[in-house]
Amino acid sequence: MVFDSLSELVSHLNNVTFQDDPDILGFEVTGEITGYRPKPWNNIVFISFSLQEDIGKGKFLKLFCNTREDRCNFIGFDGSPKDGDKVTIRASLQYNRNISVLQADVFEIKNTGKGDLLLKFQEIKERLDKEGLFDEDRKTGLPVLPRRIGLITGADGTEGRRDFLDEIECRSPYYDIHIYSARMQGENCPPQIIAGLDYFESVSGDADKRVDVIVITRGGGDKYTDFVCFNDEALARRVSACKIPVVCGVGHSSYETILDYVADVSVKTPTAAADAVIPIFDDEIAGIEALTSSMEQALTSRMRLSQGTIDSYKYHKAFAGGFIDSRRTYLAGLTTLLEKHNPSSELADRQRKFYEQKVKLEVFTGRLEMMKVEQEALALRLESVNPDNVLSRGYSYVESAEGDAIDSVSKVSAGQEVKIVFADGTANSTIIDTRRKEV
């Protein structure tokens, strides 16, 4: 007997006595494949799958099927059958007492095209893709350290909700999660998730309720019947328009939904969703401490180099006046300022307030860069008054016979022998006469 749909098969079975019905020993029925799984064992490949039919309102009829690759006739396939194929099977119906279900023993599978659910999925995907809803440049990056996470998931005790919260707790002792419970399958799933997105955006102006990222997650399930709700076009458009970054962490390994394409970040499990939004606390602390140590070493090295440069000018015999003392005072003030902002004095408070650490560290880094610029400017100014550079511009200075710098006319007298120092050498001279400048 030939049945055009699973609904016709069910209607027929409702009107006959199973054991006495000869039609079910060699019937044909059409449906859409889901859960196609070949299982090799020794030299035999056992195959199990389901035929399904969407009967509306998020409900499906299913017929469990079994066969063996070596005794099943495959017609019209380019390769093996796969989920989403629309097929007509020839089979006999059997009652499996071990699992208390009717199942088909299949001896022929004929490909008749793509299933309705797959065609609808591809049509929605193609249309939204053309509109640019899947473009990467439209998507928003996740915050490094979210203050509060908005979680849209199933009711308390569901697998996805439990896995997400357990992983968050393992990664960091500091977290704040605002949970919005919603149906995560069936016809009520899309509108309830949309309501959750609307809620989190509506409280964005409330500091006590505002979230920095939204996670939509649930545990595993059947590829089509449980996850078809995440192909809803209205839900996809709402996620795309959401002003808060959205992470999709629906528990499926190979099947992709429209929600995966429009979400800012898509991962395969609730645990992976937790990994995506919260870094490991101990790793972040170790990273900050390593960065702080590196900056302190760089600062110490830079200070030593600058001090050596200053000392080389300070003790030059041609230097006179109070320039070095003024530079020393400036450097002392600069050192005090640097010590005041030493990150080690701020780390104790940052250890207790993890979320403030990186902000303060960034402020310190900016100040450090400004101080480095000032030091470099100081080095350039010192270089500009290098006595060798002054002499090279045509100036010279006078030394006594003992090599002491003469910086006043009061330190020489007529007949005294002196040495004149030029950029490229010296000349001996005798003072003939002296004259003091009138003040």
Protein backbone atom coordinates (compact mmCIF):
# COMPACT_ATOMS: atom_id res chain seq x y z
CA MET A 1 0.00 0.00 0.00
CA VAL A 2 1.26 3.51 -0.84
CA PHE A 3 0.97 6.41 1.63
CA ASP A 4 1.78 9.96 0.46
CA SER A 5 2.60 11.12 3.99
CA LEU A 6 3.11 9.93 7.51
CA SER A 7 -0.26 11.42 8.37
CA GLU A 8 -1.93 9.03 5.94
CA LEU A 9 -0.02 6.09 7.45
CA VAL A 10 -1.10 7.07 10.98
CA SER A 11 -4.71 7.49 9.83
CA HIS A 12 -4.63 4.03 8.27
CA LEU A 13 -3.18 2.44 11.41
CA ASN A 14 -5.88 4.03 13.52
CA ASN A 15 -8.52 2.13 11.54
CA VAL A 16 -6.98 -1.35 11.37
CA THR A 17 -5.77 -4.07 13.69
CA PHE A 18 -1.99 -4.07 13.45
CA GLN A 19 -1.47 -7.82 13.56
CA ASP A 20 -4.10 -8.55 10.91
CA ASP A 21 -3.22 -5.81 8.40
CA PRO A 22 -1.38 -7.22 5.33
CA ASP A 23 -0.79 -3.70 3.90
CA ILE A 24 1.90 -2.84 6.44
CA LEU A 25 4.07 -5.79 5.41
CA GLY A 26 5.07 -4.04 2.18
CA PHE A 27 3.98 -0.42 2.30
CA GLU A 28 5.45 2.80 0.85
CA VAL A 29 5.49 6.17 2.61
CA THR A 30 7.06 9.56 1.90
CA GLY A 31 8.75 11.79 4.46
CA GLU A 32 11.87 13.82 5.29
CA ILE A 33 15.00 12.14 6.68
CA THR A 34 16.38 13.22 10.03
CA GLY A 35 19.02 11.66 12.26
CA TYR A 36 20.59 9.52 9.49
CA ARG A 37 23.29 7.43 11.22
CA PRO A 38 25.29 4.56 9.61
CA LYS A 39 26.93 2.30 12.24
CA PRO A 40 29.60 -0.14 10.94
CA TRP A 41 30.01 -3.39 12.84
CA ASN A 42 32.37 -6.09 11.55
CA ASN A 43 31.58 -6.19 7.80
CA ILE A 44 28.02 -4.94 8.15
CA VAL A 45 26.79 -1.32 8.14
CA PHE A 46 23.58 -0.87 10.15
CA ILE A 47 21.59 2.28 9.38
CA SER A 48 19.04 4.06 11.55
CA PHE A 49 17.09 7.21 10.82
CA SER A 50 13.66 8.77 11.18
CA LEU A 51 11.10 9.95 8.70
CA GLN A 52 9.37 13.07 9.89
CA GLU A 53 6.48 15.28 8.86
CA ASP A 54 5.76 18.80 10.10
CA ILE A 55 2.11 18.92 11.17
CA GLY A 56 2.25 22.55 12.34
CA LYS A 57 2.53 24.45 15.61
CA GLY A 58 6.01 23.05 16.20
CA LYS A 59 4.82 19.43 16.21
CA PHE A 60 6.10 16.54 14.10
CA LEU A 61 5.11 13.00 13.21
CA LYS A 62 8.03 10.57 13.24
CA LEU A 63 8.58 7.03 12.03
CA PHE A 64 11.69 5.26 13.27
CA CYS A 65 13.46 3.27 10.55
CA ASN A 66 16.19 0.63 10.47
CA THR A 67 17.99 -1.15 7.64
CA ARG A 68 21.27 -2.68 6.56
CA GLU A 69 23.39 -1.21 3.80
CA ASP A 70 23.92 -4.60 2.12
CA ARG A 71 20.20 -5.41 1.77
CA CYS A 72 18.70 -1.96 1.10
CA ASN A 73 18.21 -0.58 -2.41
CA PHE A 74 19.23 3.11 -2.70
CA ILE A 75 17.69 4.93 -5.69
CA GLY A 76 18.53 8.42 -6.99
CA PHE A 77 21.26 9.38 -4.49
CA ASP A 78 24.58 11.03 -5.31
CA GLY A 79 26.40 9.39 -2.42
CA SER A 80 24.59 8.45 0.79
CA PRO A 81 21.24 9.80 1.98
CA LYS A 82 21.49 12.74 4.35
CA ASP A 83 19.36 14.72 6.74
CA GLY A 84 16.90 16.93 4.94
CA ASP A 85 16.39 14.62 1.95
CA LYS A 86 12.80 13.93 0.98
CA VAL A 87 12.46 10.19 0.32
CA THR A 88 9.96 7.45 -0.32
CA ILE A 89 10.71 4.23 1.52
CA ARG A 90 9.46 0.72 0.95
CA ALA A 91 9.31 -1.18 4.22
CA SER A 92 7.41 -3.44 6.54
CA LEU A 93 6.12 -2.14 9.86
CA GLN A 94 7.19 -3.87 13.06
CA TYR A 95 6.53 -3.37 16.76
CA ASN A 96 9.70 -3.21 18.87
CA ARG A 97 8.73 -4.35 22.35
CA ASN A 98 12.14 -3.33 23.80
CA ILE A 99 11.47 0.36 23.20
CA SER A 100 7.66 0.19 22.84
CA VAL A 101 7.51 1.91 19.46
CA LEU A 102 6.51 1.09 15.91
CA GLN A 103 9.41 1.08 13.48
CA ALA A 104 9.91 0.39 9.80
CA ASP A 105 12.20 -2.35 8.49
CA VAL A 106 13.35 -0.62 5.26
CA PHE A 107 14.42 -2.44 2.08
CA GLU A 108 14.32 0.50 -0.40
CA ILE A 109 14.98 4.25 -0.13
CA LYS A 110 14.19 6.46 -3.11
CA ASN A 111 15.34 10.09 -3.30
CA THR A 112 12.50 12.44 -4.28
CA GLY A 113 14.23 15.79 -3.65
CA LYS A 114 14.79 18.08 -0.73
CA GLY A 115 12.50 18.08 2.29
CA ASP A 116 10.17 20.97 3.08
CA LEU A 117 12.08 22.00 6.20
CA LEU A 118 15.40 22.03 4.35
CA LEU A 119 13.93 24.00 1.45
CA LYS A 120 12.43 26.55 3.83
CA PHE A 121 15.76 26.83 5.69
CA GLN A 122 17.67 27.41 2.45
CA GLU A 123 15.13 29.96 1.19
CA ILE A 124 15.31 32.02 4.41
CA LYS A 125 19.10 31.74 4.55
CA GLU A 126 19.53 32.93 0.95
CA ARG A 127 17.16 35.87 1.41
CA LEU A 128 18.75 37.11 4.66
CA ASP A 129 22.23 36.63 3.25
CA LYS A 130 21.40 38.87 0.28
CA GLU A 131 20.15 41.52 2.71
CA GLY A 132 23.53 41.48 4.48
CA LEU A 133 22.35 40.12 7.84
CA PHE A 134 25.22 37.60 7.89
CA ASP A 135 28.00 40.10 7.06
CA GLU A 136 30.89 40.03 9.51
CA ASP A 137 31.34 43.82 9.48
CA ARG A 138 27.77 44.12 10.83
CA LYS A 139 28.54 42.02 13.88
CA THR A 140 29.66 43.42 17.23
CA GLY A 141 32.68 42.16 19.19
CA LEU A 142 32.20 40.86 22.72
CA PRO A 143 33.30 42.90 25.76
CA VAL A 144 36.54 41.68 27.35
CA LEU A 145 35.10 41.75 30.87
CA PRO A 146 31.30 41.97 30.88
CA ARG A 147 29.89 43.41 34.09
CA ARG A 148 26.63 41.52 33.67
CA ILE A 149 25.49 38.73 31.31
CA GLY A 150 21.93 38.40 30.03
CA LEU A 151 21.03 34.71 29.66
CA ILE A 152 18.03 33.57 27.62
CA THR A 153 17.56 29.85 28.23
CA GLY A 154 15.16 27.14 29.37
CA ALA A 155 13.55 26.77 32.75
CA ASP A 156 15.47 26.04 35.94
CA GLY A 157 17.01 22.56 35.84
CA THR A 158 17.29 22.24 32.05
CA GLU A 159 20.53 20.87 30.69
CA GLY A 160 21.67 23.93 28.74
CA ARG A 161 21.01 26.31 31.63
CA ARG A 162 22.84 24.09 34.11
CA ASP A 163 25.88 23.54 31.84
CA PHE A 164 26.28 27.27 31.17
CA LEU A 165 26.06 28.31 34.83
CA ASP A 166 28.40 25.52 35.99
CA GLU A 167 31.08 26.56 33.47
CA ILE A 168 30.78 30.25 34.41
CA GLU A 169 31.26 29.38 38.08
CA CYS A 170 34.39 27.32 37.26
CA ARG A 171 35.98 30.13 35.24
CA SER A 172 35.56 33.08 37.60
CA PRO A 173 34.26 33.84 41.11
CA TYR A 174 33.20 37.30 39.93
CA TYR A 175 30.16 37.28 37.65
CA ASP A 176 26.64 38.65 37.50
CA ILE A 177 24.02 36.88 35.38
CA HIS A 178 20.48 38.08 34.70
CA ILE A 179 18.36 35.11 33.50
CA TYR A 180 15.31 35.35 31.25
CA SER A 181 13.49 31.99 31.02
CA ALA A 182 11.97 31.06 27.65
CA ARG A 183 10.71 28.05 25.73
CA MET A 184 13.64 26.67 23.74
CA GLN A 185 11.72 24.57 21.21
CA GLY A 186 8.34 24.53 19.54
CA GLU A 187 6.19 27.32 18.15
CA ASN A 188 6.42 29.43 21.33
CA CYS A 189 10.22 29.50 21.26
CA PRO A 190 10.87 32.37 18.78
CA PRO A 191 8.39 34.89 20.29
CA GLN A 192 9.65 34.19 23.83
CA ILE A 193 13.30 34.66 22.84
CA ILE A 194 12.33 37.89 21.04
CA ALA A 195 10.58 39.02 24.23
CA GLY A 196 13.80 38.33 26.13
CA LEU A 197 15.83 40.45 23.72
CA ASP A 198 13.25 43.24 24.01
CA TYR A 199 13.47 43.08 27.80
CA PHE A 200 17.26 43.33 27.98
CA GLU A 201 17.29 46.29 25.61
CA SER A 202 14.50 47.99 27.59
CA VAL A 203 16.59 47.96 30.81
CA SER A 204 19.80 49.18 29.16
CA GLY A 205 19.38 52.54 30.89
CA ASP A 206 19.18 50.96 34.37
CA ALA A 207 22.67 50.50 35.87
CA ASP A 208 21.41 47.72 38.16
CA LYS A 209 19.89 45.67 35.31
CA ARG A 210 21.90 46.64 32.21
CA VAL A 211 23.71 43.72 30.53
CA ASP A 212 26.84 43.89 28.33
CA VAL A 213 26.21 40.69 26.36
CA ILE A 214 23.25 38.36 25.73
CA VAL A 215 23.63 34.57 25.51
CA ILE A 216 20.94 32.36 23.92
CA THR A 217 21.56 28.73 24.83
CA ARG A 218 20.00 25.29 25.23
CA GLY A 219 21.23 21.70 25.41
CA GLY A 220 21.28 19.07 22.68
CA GLY A 221 18.32 17.54 20.89
CA ASP A 222 16.97 16.26 17.61
CA LYS A 223 18.38 18.07 14.60
CA TYR A 224 15.10 19.20 13.08
CA THR A 225 12.28 18.90 15.56
CA ASP A 226 14.09 20.63 18.43
CA PHE A 227 16.13 23.19 16.49
CA VAL A 228 13.78 24.20 13.67
CA CYS A 229 12.51 27.04 15.88
CA PHE A 230 15.93 28.70 15.62
CA ASN A 231 15.40 29.08 11.85
CA ASP A 232 12.54 31.51 12.45
CA GLU A 233 12.90 34.59 10.24
CA ALA A 234 11.40 37.03 12.74
CA LEU A 235 13.84 35.82 15.39
CA ALA A 236 16.78 36.19 12.99
CA ARG A 237 15.84 39.78 12.16
CA ARG A 238 15.43 40.67 15.84
CA VAL A 239 18.86 39.25 16.75
CA SER A 240 20.42 41.12 13.82
CA ALA A 241 18.89 44.39 15.01
CA CYS A 242 19.84 43.90 18.68
CA LYS A 243 22.06 46.70 20.00
CA ILE A 244 23.65 44.36 22.58
CA PRO A 245 26.13 41.67 21.38
CA VAL A 246 24.40 38.27 21.07
CA VAL A 247 26.08 34.85 21.52
CA CYS A 248 24.33 31.75 20.16
CA GLY A 249 25.23 28.62 22.16
CA VAL A 250 22.63 26.10 21.06
CA GLY A 251 23.74 22.52 21.74
CA HIS A 252 24.22 20.93 18.35
CA SER A 253 27.40 19.63 16.73
CA SER A 254 26.84 19.61 12.96
CA TYR A 255 23.52 21.29 12.24
CA GLU A 256 23.57 25.04 11.62
CA THR A 257 20.56 27.26 12.19
CA ILE A 258 19.72 30.73 10.90
CA LEU A 259 20.41 31.98 14.44
CA ASP A 260 24.04 30.83 14.08
CA TYR A 261 24.49 33.06 11.05
CA VAL A 262 23.00 36.27 12.48
CA ALA A 263 24.45 36.06 16.01
CA ASP A 264 27.56 38.12 16.71
CA VAL A 265 29.28 34.96 17.98
CA SER A 266 28.15 31.37 17.41
CA VAL A 267 29.41 28.33 19.33
CA LYS A 268 28.16 24.76 19.52
CA THR A 269 27.36 24.19 23.21
CA PRO A 270 26.31 26.07 26.37
CA THR A 271 29.75 25.34 27.86
CA ALA A 272 31.46 26.92 24.84
CA ALA A 273 29.16 29.95 25.20
CA ALA A 274 30.39 30.43 28.78
CA ASP A 275 33.99 30.17 27.55
CA ALA A 276 33.30 32.86 24.95
CA VAL A 277 31.99 35.51 27.36
CA ILE A 278 34.04 35.01 30.56
CA PRO A 279 37.86 34.66 30.69
CA ILE A 280 39.50 32.50 33.35
CA PHE A 281 40.07 34.74 36.38
CA ASP A 282 43.43 33.24 37.43
CA ASP A 283 44.78 33.54 33.87
CA GLU A 284 43.82 37.21 33.71
CA ILE A 285 45.49 37.94 37.06
CA ALA A 286 48.68 36.17 35.92
CA GLY A 287 48.65 38.16 32.69
CA ILE A 288 48.28 41.48 34.50
CA GLU A 289 51.09 40.64 36.91
CA ALA A 290 53.39 39.64 34.05
CA LEU A 291 52.57 42.87 32.18
CA THR A 292 53.20 44.95 35.28
CA SER A 293 56.57 43.28 35.91
CA SER A 294 57.59 43.87 32.32
CA MET A 295 56.70 47.56 32.53
CA GLU A 296 58.58 47.98 35.80
CA GLN A 297 61.71 46.43 34.27
CA ALA A 298 61.42 48.65 31.19
CA LEU A 299 60.97 51.73 33.37
CA THR A 300 64.03 50.87 35.52
CA SER A 301 66.18 50.28 32.43
CA ARG A 302 65.06 53.56 30.89
CA MET A 303 65.78 55.49 34.08
CA ARG A 304 69.29 54.05 34.33
CA LEU A 305 70.05 54.93 30.72
CA SER A 306 68.77 58.48 31.17
CA GLN A 307 70.73 58.91 34.43
CA GLY A 308 73.94 57.77 32.70
CA THR A 309 73.43 60.30 29.90
CA ILE A 310 72.84 63.10 32.38
CA ASP A 311 75.89 62.16 34.47
CA SER A 312 78.13 62.21 31.38
CA TYR A 313 77.18 65.85 30.82
CA LYS A 314 77.12 66.80 34.49
CA TYR A 315 80.83 66.16 35.05
CA HIS A 316 82.09 67.78 31.83
CA LYS A 317 84.70 70.41 32.82
CA ALA A 318 83.36 72.96 30.34
CA PHE A 319 79.98 73.07 32.11
CA ALA A 320 79.42 76.01 34.40
CA GLY A 321 76.42 77.54 36.08
CA GLY A 322 73.37 75.89 37.59
CA PHE A 323 71.98 74.00 34.57
CA ILE A 324 72.83 70.56 35.99
CA ASP A 325 71.28 71.38 39.35
CA SER A 326 68.09 72.52 37.66
CA ARG A 327 68.00 69.31 35.60
CA ARG A 328 68.63 67.26 38.75
CA THR A 329 65.69 68.96 40.47
CA TYR A 330 63.47 68.30 37.44
CA LEU A 331 64.57 64.66 37.32
CA ALA A 332 63.90 64.23 41.04
CA GLY A 333 60.40 65.58 40.55
CA LEU A 334 59.89 63.30 37.57
CA THR A 335 61.12 60.30 39.58
CA THR A 336 58.73 61.15 42.41
CA LEU A 337 55.88 61.38 39.93
CA LEU A 338 56.79 58.01 38.44
CA GLU A 339 57.04 56.39 41.87
CA LYS A 340 53.69 57.86 42.79
CA HIS A 341 52.14 56.03 39.85
CA ASN A 342 54.13 52.81 40.29
CA PRO A 343 51.68 50.00 39.35
CA SER A 344 52.86 47.85 42.29
CA SER A 345 51.17 50.26 44.71
CA GLU A 346 47.90 49.88 42.86
CA LEU A 347 47.92 46.10 42.34
CA ALA A 348 46.67 45.21 45.84
CA ASP A 349 43.42 47.04 45.22
CA ARG A 350 43.18 45.63 41.68
CA GLN A 351 43.42 42.07 43.02
CA ARG A 352 40.23 42.70 45.01
CA LYS A 353 38.45 44.62 42.29
CA PHE A 354 39.19 42.65 39.17
CA TYR A 355 37.00 44.65 36.85
CA GLU A 356 38.79 47.96 37.64
CA GLN A 357 42.33 46.60 37.14
CA LYS A 358 42.61 46.88 33.37
CA VAL A 359 41.08 50.36 33.28
CA LYS A 360 43.61 51.68 35.81
CA LEU A 361 46.41 49.85 34.09
CA GLU A 362 45.53 51.49 30.77
CA VAL A 363 45.58 54.92 32.47
CA PHE A 364 49.01 54.14 33.91
CA THR A 365 50.30 52.99 30.52
CA GLY A 366 49.23 56.29 28.94
CA ARG A 367 51.02 58.27 31.65
CA LEU A 368 54.12 56.14 31.25
CA GLU A 369 54.22 56.89 27.53
CA MET A 370 53.95 60.63 28.26
CA MET A 371 56.84 60.37 30.74
CA LYS A 372 58.96 58.55 28.17
CA VAL A 373 58.29 61.37 25.68
CA GLU A 374 59.32 63.95 28.30
CA GLN A 375 62.54 62.05 29.04
CA GLU A 376 63.36 61.85 25.36
CA ALA A 377 62.75 65.61 25.06
CA LEU A 378 65.09 66.15 28.06
CA ALA A 379 67.81 64.09 26.39
CA LEU A 380 67.47 66.17 23.22
CA ARG A 381 67.73 69.39 25.19
CA LEU A 382 70.83 68.15 27.00
CA GLU A 383 72.36 67.16 23.70
CA SER A 384 71.67 70.64 22.33
CA VAL A 385 73.84 72.20 25.11
CA ASN A 386 76.63 69.63 24.85
CA PRO A 387 79.82 71.74 25.06
CA ASP A 388 81.28 69.89 22.09
CA ASN A 389 78.33 71.00 20.01
CA VAL A 390 78.73 74.60 21.26
CA LEU A 391 82.43 74.64 20.31
CA SER A 392 81.62 73.25 16.86
CA ARG A 393 79.53 76.36 16.17
CA GLY A 394 82.60 78.64 16.49
CA TYR A 395 82.77 79.18 20.23
CA SER A 396 85.74 78.42 22.51
CA TYR A 397 86.54 78.53 26.21
CA VAL A 398 89.64 79.41 28.30
CA GLU A 399 91.53 77.19 30.76
CA SER A 400 94.29 77.95 33.19
CA ALA A 401 97.67 76.30 32.82
CA GLU A 402 96.47 73.77 35.40
CA GLY A 403 93.42 72.89 33.25
CA ASP A 404 90.75 74.69 35.33
CA ALA A 405 87.94 76.41 33.42
CA ILE A 406 88.16 80.24 33.58
CA ASP A 407 84.65 81.67 33.60
CA SER A 408 85.38 85.22 34.89
CA VAL A 409 87.87 88.02 34.06
CA SER A 410 88.63 88.23 37.77
CA LYS A 411 90.39 84.87 37.58
CA VAL A 412 93.15 86.10 35.18
CA SER A 413 95.81 88.80 35.25
CA ALA A 414 98.18 90.41 32.75
CA GLY A 415 101.09 88.20 31.86
CA GLN A 416 99.33 84.98 32.86
CA GLU A 417 99.64 82.05 30.46
CA VAL A 418 96.31 80.42 29.47
CA LYS A 419 95.01 77.78 27.05
CA ILE A 420 92.22 78.46 24.55
CA VAL A 421 90.15 75.36 23.72
CA PHE A 422 88.52 75.11 20.27
CA ALA A 423 86.34 72.34 18.80
CA ASP A 424 89.32 70.91 16.86
CA GLY A 425 92.26 71.70 19.20
CA THR A 426 93.89 74.15 21.63
CA ALA A 427 96.13 77.27 21.49
CA ASN A 428 98.44 78.67 24.22
CA SER A 429 98.23 82.42 24.88
CA THR A 430 99.43 85.11 27.29
CA ILE A 431 97.10 87.69 28.87
CA ILE A 432 98.27 91.19 27.86
CA ASP A 433 95.62 93.22 29.61
CA THR A 434 92.28 92.72 31.43
CA ARG A 435 89.20 94.91 31.49
CA ARG A 436 86.08 94.28 33.60
CA LYS A 437 82.68 95.01 32.04
CA GLU A 438 80.91 97.98 33.56
CA VAL A 439 77.65 96.99 35.20
